[in-house]
Amino acid sequence: LPWMIAATVRSINHLMSLATVAQVTDSHGETANRVVHVIETRLAALLVHALVLVALLAAPVFNKVPTSVLFGLFLFMGVASLSSNRFYHRLKLFVMQPSAYPPFTRSVSLLKLHLFTALQVLAMALMV
């Protein structure tokens, strides 16, 4: 992860936006994305932090935006990001036929996978 950006999600998205990715097929016939090359730039981090400063200075303008618009925006962002969320995929495994399980389930036993997901659900329930 780039050291200059402290937020993990933002760092991963930034890294993937600068990466050249190739699809690789392993001996089992499964395809996976592999990072071939990453372009390093310090300018992107400077621009990100400059935009954060602009957002802080524009806070009085943001206060005029209705709360329902913000809720809708965050709901859209959350639903749009579900397709890349492994926790969501593991939750769907509880109601899915085992023959339809995706390839990432073959690297660990299903019992451990379901126990880990149940532990995450319990931890999330305790936080609420």
Foldseek 3Di string as FASTA:
>chain_A
DDPLDDDPVVVVVVFVVQFDWDWDADPVRDIDIDTDDGDDDPVVSVVVVVVVVVCVVCVVVVVVDDPVVVVVVVVVVVVVCLVVDVLNLLVVVVVDDPVPRDPVPVVDPPVVSNVVSVVVVVVVVVVD
